[in-house]
């Protein structure tokens, strides 16, 4: 699995605890930058794709 988490910020450096928690939970939410009310739940589970 490849996750591009550094496109807008240095998540690995500043938010590593959050990232590990999201990987353990198996999902993360992503907000659409153009349509703020559009929020998607993304699966981070192995074998999902």
PDB file of N, CA and C in Angstrom:
ATOM      1  N   UNK A   1       0.844  -1.163   0.000  1.00  0.00           N
ATOM      2  CA  UNK A   1       0.000   0.000   0.000  1.00  0.00           C
ATOM      3  C   UNK A   1       0.893   1.230   0.000  1.00  0.00           C
ATOM      4  N   UNK A   2       0.593   2.185  -0.867  1.00  0.00           N
ATOM      5  CA  UNK A   2       1.295   3.464  -0.899  1.00  0.00           C
ATOM      6  C   UNK A   2       0.280   4.551  -0.593  1.00  0.00           C
ATOM      7  N   UNK A   3       0.583   5.358   0.413  1.00  0.00           N
ATOM      8  CA  UNK A   3      -0.286   6.469   0.786  1.00  0.00           C
ATOM      9  C   UNK A   3       0.511   7.749   0.628  1.00  0.00           C
ATOM     10  N   UNK A   4       0.052   8.652  -0.212  1.00  0.00           N
ATOM     11  CA  UNK A   4       0.709   9.939  -0.399  1.00  0.00           C
ATOM     12  C   UNK A   4       0.173  10.893   0.666  1.00  0.00           C
ATOM     13  N   UNK A   5       0.930  11.060   1.741  1.00  0.00           N
ATOM     14  CA  UNK A   5       0.465  11.896   2.845  1.00  0.00           C
ATOM     15  C   UNK A   5       1.231  13.204   2.946  1.00  0.00           C
ATOM     16  N   UNK A   6       2.163  13.445   2.057  1.00  0.00           N
ATOM     17  CA  UNK A   6       2.979  14.651   2.164  1.00  0.00           C
ATOM     18  C   UNK A   6       2.695  15.682   1.092  1.00  0.00           C
ATOM     19  N   UNK A   7       1.578  15.580   0.403  1.00  0.00           N
ATOM     20  CA  UNK A   7       1.295  16.498  -0.692  1.00  0.00           C
ATOM     21  C   UNK A   7       1.044  17.924  -0.208  1.00  0.00           C
ATOM     22  N   UNK A   8       0.353  18.098   0.898  1.00  0.00           N
ATOM     23  CA  UNK A   8       0.023  19.442   1.376  1.00  0.00           C
ATOM     24  C   UNK A   8       0.703  19.808   2.682  1.00  0.00           C
ATOM     25  N   UNK A   9       1.131  18.831   3.426  1.00  0.00           N
ATOM     26  CA  UNK A   9       1.797  19.115   4.704  1.00  0.00           C
ATOM     27  C   UNK A   9       2.703  17.942   5.064  1.00  0.00           C
ATOM     28  N   UNK A  10       3.550  18.150   6.041  1.00  0.00           N
ATOM     29  CA  UNK A  10       4.476  17.107   6.478  1.00  0.00           C
ATOM     30  C   UNK A  10       3.795  16.281   7.572  1.00  0.00           C
ATOM     31  N   UNK A  11       2.845  15.445   7.169  1.00  0.00           N
ATOM     32  CA  UNK A  11       2.049  14.668   8.118  1.00  0.00           C
ATOM     33  C   UNK A  11       2.917  13.701   8.908  1.00  0.00           C
ATOM     34  N   UNK A  12       3.867  13.071   8.241  1.00  0.00           N
ATOM     35  CA  UNK A  12       4.712  12.088   8.925  1.00  0.00           C
ATOM     36  C   UNK A  12       5.514  12.747  10.042  1.00  0.00           C
ATOM     37  N   UNK A  13       6.006  13.944   9.815  1.00  0.00           N
ATOM     38  CA  UNK A  13       6.810  14.641  10.820  1.00  0.00           C
ATOM     39  C   UNK A  13       5.955  15.227  11.944  1.00  0.00           C
ATOM     40  N   UNK A  14       4.887  15.917  11.603  1.00  0.00           N
ATOM     41  CA  UNK A  14       4.110  16.653  12.599  1.00  0.00           C
ATOM     42  C   UNK A  14       2.895  15.901  13.134  1.00  0.00           C
ATOM     43  N   UNK A  15       2.384  14.940  12.395  1.00  0.00           N
ATOM     44  CA  UNK A  15       1.153  14.250  12.791  1.00  0.00           C
ATOM     45  C   UNK A  15       1.319  12.733  12.779  1.00  0.00           C
ATOM     46  N   UNK A  16       2.489  12.240  13.133  1.00  0.00           N
ATOM     47  CA  UNK A  16       2.736  10.793  13.069  1.00  0.00           C
ATOM     48  C   UNK A  16       1.818  10.012  14.007  1.00  0.00           C
ATOM     49  N   UNK A  17       1.525  10.554  15.190  1.00  0.00           N
ATOM     50  CA  UNK A  17       0.619   9.874  16.125  1.00  0.00           C
ATOM     51  C   UNK A  17      -0.776   9.747  15.501  1.00  0.00           C
ATOM     52  N   UNK A  18      -1.246  10.815  14.870  1.00  0.00           N
ATOM     53  CA  UNK A  18      -2.549  10.797  14.206  1.00  0.00           C
ATOM     54  C   UNK A  18      -2.543   9.769  13.071  1.00  0.00           C
ATOM     55  N   UNK A  19      -1.467   9.762  12.260  1.00  0.00           N
ATOM     56  CA  UNK A  19      -1.376   8.842  11.133  1.00  0.00           C
ATOM     57  C   UNK A  19      -1.391   7.391  11.598  1.00  0.00           C
ATOM     58  N   UNK A  20      -0.626   7.074  12.626  1.00  0.00           N
ATOM     59  CA  UNK A  20      -0.617   5.702  13.146  1.00  0.00           C
ATOM     60  C   UNK A  20      -1.980   5.314  13.706  1.00  0.00           C
ATOM     61  N   UNK A  21      -2.666   6.246  14.347  1.00  0.00           N
ATOM     62  CA  UNK A  21      -4.013   5.986  14.854  1.00  0.00           C
ATOM     63  C   UNK A  21      -4.978   5.703  13.702  1.00  0.00           C
ATOM     64  N   UNK A  22      -4.892   6.469  12.628  1.00  0.00           N
ATOM     65  CA  UNK A  22      -5.755   6.258  11.459  1.00  0.00           C
ATOM     66  C   UNK A  22      -5.474   4.898  10.827  1.00  0.00           C
ATOM     67  N   UNK A  23      -4.196   4.520  10.726  1.00  0.00           N
ATOM     68  CA  UNK A  23      -3.858   3.210  10.157  1.00  0.00           C
ATOM     69  C   UNK A  23      -4.387   2.086  11.036  1.00  0.00           C
ATOM     70  N   UNK A  24      -4.311   2.246  12.353  1.00  0.00           N
ATOM     71  CA  UNK A  24      -4.845   1.234  13.274  1.00  0.00           C
ATOM     72  C   UNK A  24      -6.359   1.146  13.186  1.00  0.00           C
ATOM     73  N   UNK A  25      -7.034   2.285  13.044  1.00  0.00           N
ATOM     74  CA  UNK A  25      -8.496   2.291  12.925  1.00  0.00           C
ATOM     75  C   UNK A  25      -8.949   1.773  11.560  1.00  0.00           C
ATOM     76  N   UNK A  26      -8.103   1.954  10.534  1.00  0.00           N
ATOM     77  CA  UNK A  26      -8.428   1.432   9.212  1.00  0.00           C
ATOM     78  C   UNK A  26      -9.165   2.391   8.300  1.00  0.00           C
ATOM     79  N   UNK A  27      -9.286   3.655   8.683  1.00  0.00           N
ATOM     80  CA  UNK A  27      -9.967   4.629   7.824  1.00  0.00           C
ATOM     81  C   UNK A  27      -9.506   6.043   8.165  1.00  0.00           C
ATOM     82  N   UNK A  28      -9.785   6.953   7.236  1.00  0.00           N
ATOM     83  CA  UNK A  28      -9.539   8.380   7.451  1.00  0.00           C
ATOM     84  C   UNK A  28     -10.601   9.147   6.677  1.00  0.00           C
ATOM     85  N   UNK A  29     -10.910  10.330   7.131  1.00  0.00           N
ATOM     86  CA  UNK A  29     -11.850  11.199   6.435  1.00  0.00           C
ATOM     87  C   UNK A  29     -11.082  12.208   5.601  1.00  0.00           C
ATOM     88  N   UNK A  30     -11.598  12.512   4.414  1.00  0.00           N
ATOM     89  CA  UNK A  30     -10.985  13.489   3.521  1.00  0.00           C
ATOM     90  C   UNK A  30     -12.041  14.498   3.100  1.00  0.00           C
ATOM     91  N   UNK A  31     -11.736  15.776   3.291  1.00  0.00           N
ATOM     92  CA  UNK A  31     -12.663  16.842   2.910  1.00  0.00           C
ATOM     93  C   UNK A  31     -12.275  17.375   1.533  1.00  0.00           C
ATOM     94  N   UNK A  32     -13.265  17.551   0.671  1.00  0.00           N
ATOM     95  CA  UNK A  32     -13.045  18.128  -0.647  1.00  0.00           C
ATOM     96  C   UNK A  32     -12.730  19.616  -0.476  1.00  0.00           C
ATOM     97  N   UNK A  33     -11.568  20.097  -0.980  1.00  0.00           N
ATOM     98  CA  UNK A  33     -11.207  21.500  -0.777  1.00  0.00           C
ATOM     99  C   UNK A  33     -12.116  22.489  -1.509  1.00  0.00           C
ATOM    100  N   UNK A  34     -12.794  22.065  -2.566  1.00  0.00           N
ATOM    101  CA  UNK A  34     -13.687  22.964  -3.291  1.00  0.00           C
ATOM    102  C   UNK A  34     -15.101  22.970  -2.725  1.00  0.00           C
ATOM    103  N   UNK A  35     -15.552  21.817  -2.254  1.00  0.00           N
ATOM    104  CA  UNK A  35     -16.899  21.689  -1.701  1.00  0.00           C
ATOM    105  C   UNK A  35     -16.759  21.228  -0.256  1.00  0.00           C
ATOM    106  N   UNK A  36     -16.687  22.163   0.669  1.00  0.00           N
ATOM    107  CA  UNK A  36     -16.345  21.896   2.072  1.00  0.00           C
ATOM    108  C   UNK A  36     -17.286  20.900   2.753  1.00  0.00           C
ATOM    109  N   UNK A  37     -18.521  20.802   2.303  1.00  0.00           N
ATOM    110  CA  UNK A  37     -19.475  19.878   2.927  1.00  0.00           C
ATOM    111  C   UNK A  37     -19.341  18.449   2.407  1.00  0.00           C
ATOM    112  N   UNK A  38     -18.518  18.239   1.392  1.00  0.00           N
ATOM    113  CA  UNK A  38     -18.320  16.917   0.807  1.00  0.00           C
ATOM    114  C   UNK A  38     -17.156  16.231   1.521  1.00  0.00           C
ATOM    115  N   UNK A  39     -17.480  15.286   2.414  1.00  0.00           N
ATOM    116  CA  UNK A  39     -16.475  14.559   3.189  1.00  0.00           C
ATOM    117  C   UNK A  39     -16.582  13.076   2.844  1.00  0.00           C
ATOM    118  N   UNK A  40     -15.442  12.474   2.523  1.00  0.00           N
ATOM    119  CA  UNK A  40     -15.407  11.056   2.163  1.00  0.00           C
ATOM    120  C   UNK A  40     -14.670  10.260   3.228  1.00  0.00           C
ATOM    121  N   UNK A  41     -15.150   9.055   3.496  1.00  0.00           N
ATOM    122  CA  UNK A  41     -14.466   8.143   4.407  1.00  0.00           C
ATOM    123  C   UNK A  41     -13.642   7.186   3.556  1.00  0.00           C
ATOM    124  N   UNK A  42     -12.319   7.215   3.740  1.00  0.00           N
ATOM    125  CA  UNK A  42     -11.409   6.408   2.941  1.00  0.00           C
ATOM    126  C   UNK A  42     -10.906   5.227   3.747  1.00  0.00           C
ATOM    127  N   UNK A  43     -10.969   4.045   3.174  1.00  0.00           N
ATOM    128  CA  UNK A  43     -10.469   2.850   3.841  1.00  0.00           C
ATOM    129  C   UNK A  43      -8.953   2.799   3.733  1.00  0.00           C
ATOM    130  N   UNK A  44      -8.286   2.480   4.841  1.00  0.00           N
ATOM    131  CA  UNK A  44      -6.836   2.321   4.877  1.00  0.00           C
ATOM    132  C   UNK A  44      -6.459   0.884   5.218  1.00  0.00           C
ATOM    133  N   UNK A  45      -7.406  -0.036   5.045  1.00  0.00           N
ATOM    134  CA  UNK A  45      -7.165  -1.438   5.374  1.00  0.00           C
ATOM    135  C   UNK A  45      -6.373  -2.114   4.267  1.00  0.00           C
ATOM    136  N   UNK A  46      -5.467  -2.994   4.650  1.00  0.00           N
ATOM    137  CA  UNK A  46      -4.705  -3.760   3.674  1.00  0.00           C
ATOM    138  C   UNK A  46      -5.639  -4.670   2.897  1.00  0.00           C
ATOM    139  N   UNK A  47      -5.397  -4.787   1.619  1.00  0.00           N
ATOM    140  CA  UNK A  47      -6.204  -5.653   0.785  1.00  0.00           C
ATOM    141  C   UNK A  47      -7.502  -5.037   0.323  1.00  0.00           C
ATOM    142  N   UNK A  48      -7.755  -3.772   0.638  1.00  0.00           N
ATOM    143  CA  UNK A  48      -9.001  -3.131   0.241  1.00  0.00           C
ATOM    144  C   UNK A  48      -9.040  -2.879  -1.257  1.00  0.00           C
ATOM    145  N   UNK A  49      -7.903  -2.469  -1.822  1.00  0.00           N
ATOM    146  CA  UNK A  49      -7.893  -2.120  -3.245  1.00  0.00           C
ATOM    147  C   UNK A  49      -7.808  -3.314  -4.104  1.00  0.00           C
TER     148      UNK A  49
END
